Amino acid sequence: MLGGDVYIQSRQSADLFNVAQFRAKTKTTRILMTAVIRRWLSTLLKRCRK
């Protein structure tokens, strides 16, 4: 039954890797979106001041 245990462990490792990768992607997306929104807001404010 060693093969099954190894499979389960590798599945868990793969799942953890996928979760970590997903979190990294969402964090990167959040950072990018924040930058885009800030840029958009500053542009909007400049137009309103004119």
N, C-alpha and C. Protein backbone atom coordinates (compact mmCIF):
# COMPACT_ATOMS: atom_id res chain seq x y z
N MET A 1 0.82 -1.22 0.00
CA MET A 1 0.00 0.00 0.00
C MET A 1 0.86 1.26 0.00
N LEU A 2 2.15 1.06 -0.14
CA LEU A 2 3.07 2.20 -0.16
C LEU A 2 2.78 3.11 -1.36
N GLY A 3 2.46 2.50 -2.49
CA GLY A 3 2.18 3.29 -3.68
C GLY A 3 1.02 4.25 -3.48
N GLY A 4 -0.03 3.78 -2.81
CA GLY A 4 -1.19 4.63 -2.54
C GLY A 4 -0.84 5.80 -1.64
N ASP A 5 -0.02 5.54 -0.63
CA ASP A 5 0.40 6.60 0.29
C ASP A 5 1.21 7.67 -0.44
N VAL A 6 2.08 7.21 -1.31
CA VAL A 6 2.91 8.15 -2.09
C VAL A 6 2.01 8.99 -2.99
N TYR A 7 1.01 8.34 -3.60
CA TYR A 7 0.08 9.06 -4.47
C TYR A 7 -0.67 10.13 -3.69
N ILE A 8 -1.15 9.77 -2.50
CA ILE A 8 -1.90 10.73 -1.68
C ILE A 8 -1.01 11.91 -1.30
N GLN A 9 0.22 11.61 -0.91
CA GLN A 9 1.15 12.69 -0.53
C GLN A 9 1.45 13.60 -1.71
N SER A 10 1.65 13.00 -2.89
CA SER A 10 1.96 13.82 -4.06
C SER A 10 0.74 14.64 -4.47
N ARG A 11 -0.47 14.08 -4.29
CA ARG A 11 -1.70 14.83 -4.59
C ARG A 11 -1.81 16.04 -3.67
N GLN A 12 -1.53 15.81 -2.38
CA GLN A 12 -1.62 16.91 -1.42
C GLN A 12 -0.59 17.99 -1.75
N SER A 13 0.61 17.56 -2.14
CA SER A 13 1.65 18.52 -2.51
C SER A 13 1.22 19.32 -3.73
N ALA A 14 0.63 18.64 -4.71
CA ALA A 14 0.16 19.31 -5.92
C ALA A 14 -0.94 20.31 -5.58
N ASP A 15 -1.86 19.91 -4.70
CA ASP A 15 -2.94 20.80 -4.29
C ASP A 15 -2.39 22.03 -3.58
N LEU A 16 -1.44 21.82 -2.69
CA LEU A 16 -0.83 22.95 -1.98
C LEU A 16 -0.11 23.88 -2.94
N PHE A 17 0.58 23.29 -3.92
CA PHE A 17 1.28 24.09 -4.92
C PHE A 17 0.28 24.91 -5.73
N ASN A 18 -0.83 24.28 -6.13
CA ASN A 18 -1.86 24.98 -6.90
C ASN A 18 -2.46 26.14 -6.11
N VAL A 19 -2.72 25.89 -4.83
CA VAL A 19 -3.27 26.95 -3.97
C VAL A 19 -2.28 28.10 -3.85
N ALA A 20 -1.00 27.78 -3.65
CA ALA A 20 0.03 28.82 -3.54
C ALA A 20 0.13 29.61 -4.84
N GLN A 21 0.07 28.90 -5.96
CA GLN A 21 0.16 29.55 -7.26
C GLN A 21 -1.05 30.46 -7.48
N PHE A 22 -2.25 29.98 -7.11
CA PHE A 22 -3.47 30.77 -7.25
C PHE A 22 -3.39 32.03 -6.40
N ARG A 23 -2.92 31.88 -5.16
CA ARG A 23 -2.79 33.05 -4.28
C ARG A 23 -1.81 34.06 -4.85
N ALA A 24 -0.72 33.57 -5.42
CA ALA A 24 0.27 34.47 -6.02
C ALA A 24 -0.35 35.23 -7.19
N LYS A 25 -1.11 34.52 -8.01
CA LYS A 25 -1.77 35.16 -9.15
C LYS A 25 -2.75 36.22 -8.68
N THR A 26 -3.56 35.88 -7.67
CA THR A 26 -4.56 36.84 -7.22
C THR A 26 -3.90 38.04 -6.55
N LYS A 27 -2.78 37.81 -5.85
CA LYS A 27 -2.07 38.92 -5.22
C LYS A 27 -1.49 39.83 -6.29
N THR A 28 -0.92 39.25 -7.33
CA THR A 28 -0.38 40.03 -8.44
C THR A 28 -1.49 40.82 -9.12
N THR A 29 -2.63 40.16 -9.33
CA THR A 29 -3.77 40.83 -9.96
C THR A 29 -4.25 41.98 -9.10
N ARG A 30 -4.29 41.75 -7.78
CA ARG A 30 -4.74 42.80 -6.85
C ARG A 30 -3.81 44.01 -6.92
N ILE A 31 -2.51 43.75 -6.97
CA ILE A 31 -1.52 44.84 -7.04
C ILE A 31 -1.69 45.61 -8.35
N LEU A 32 -1.85 44.87 -9.45
CA LEU A 32 -2.02 45.52 -10.75
C LEU A 32 -3.30 46.34 -10.81
N MET A 33 -4.39 45.77 -10.30
CA MET A 33 -5.67 46.47 -10.32
C MET A 33 -5.61 47.73 -9.45
N THR A 34 -4.95 47.63 -8.32
CA THR A 34 -4.80 48.80 -7.44
C THR A 34 -4.06 49.91 -8.17
N ALA A 35 -2.99 49.55 -8.87
CA ALA A 35 -2.21 50.54 -9.62
C ALA A 35 -3.06 51.17 -10.72
N VAL A 36 -3.83 50.36 -11.43
CA VAL A 36 -4.68 50.86 -12.52
C VAL A 36 -5.75 51.80 -11.97
N ILE A 37 -6.37 51.40 -10.87
CA ILE A 37 -7.43 52.22 -10.27
C ILE A 37 -6.87 53.55 -9.76
N ARG A 38 -5.71 53.50 -9.13
CA ARG A 38 -5.08 54.75 -8.65
C ARG A 38 -4.77 55.68 -9.81
N ARG A 39 -4.25 55.11 -10.88
CA ARG A 39 -3.91 55.92 -12.07
C ARG A 39 -5.17 56.55 -12.65
N TRP A 40 -6.25 55.75 -12.73
CA TRP A 40 -7.52 56.22 -13.27
C TRP A 40 -8.10 57.32 -12.40
N LEU A 41 -8.04 57.14 -11.08
CA LEU A 41 -8.56 58.15 -10.16
C LEU A 41 -7.78 59.45 -10.24
N SER A 42 -6.46 59.35 -10.33
CA SER A 42 -5.65 60.57 -10.42
C SER A 42 -5.94 61.31 -11.72
N THR A 43 -6.13 60.58 -12.80
CA THR A 43 -6.49 61.20 -14.09
C THR A 43 -7.85 61.87 -13.99
N LEU A 44 -8.78 61.19 -13.35
CA LEU A 44 -10.13 61.73 -13.18
C LEU A 44 -10.10 63.00 -12.34
N LEU A 45 -9.32 63.00 -11.28
CA LEU A 45 -9.22 64.18 -10.42
C LEU A 45 -8.59 65.36 -11.15
N LYS A 46 -7.59 65.08 -11.98
CA LYS A 46 -6.95 66.15 -12.75
C LYS A 46 -7.94 66.79 -13.71
N ARG A 47 -8.79 65.96 -14.32
CA ARG A 47 -9.79 66.48 -15.26
C ARG A 47 -10.84 67.31 -14.53
N CYS A 48 -11.19 66.91 -13.33
CA CYS A 48 -12.19 67.64 -12.55
C CYS A 48 -11.67 68.99 -12.09
N ARG A 49 -10.38 69.08 -11.84
CA ARG A 49 -9.78 70.33 -11.35
C ARG A 49 -9.69 71.39 -12.44
N LYS A 50 -9.66 70.97 -13.70
CA LYS A 50 -9.52 71.93 -14.81
C LYS A 50 -10.77 72.76 -14.99
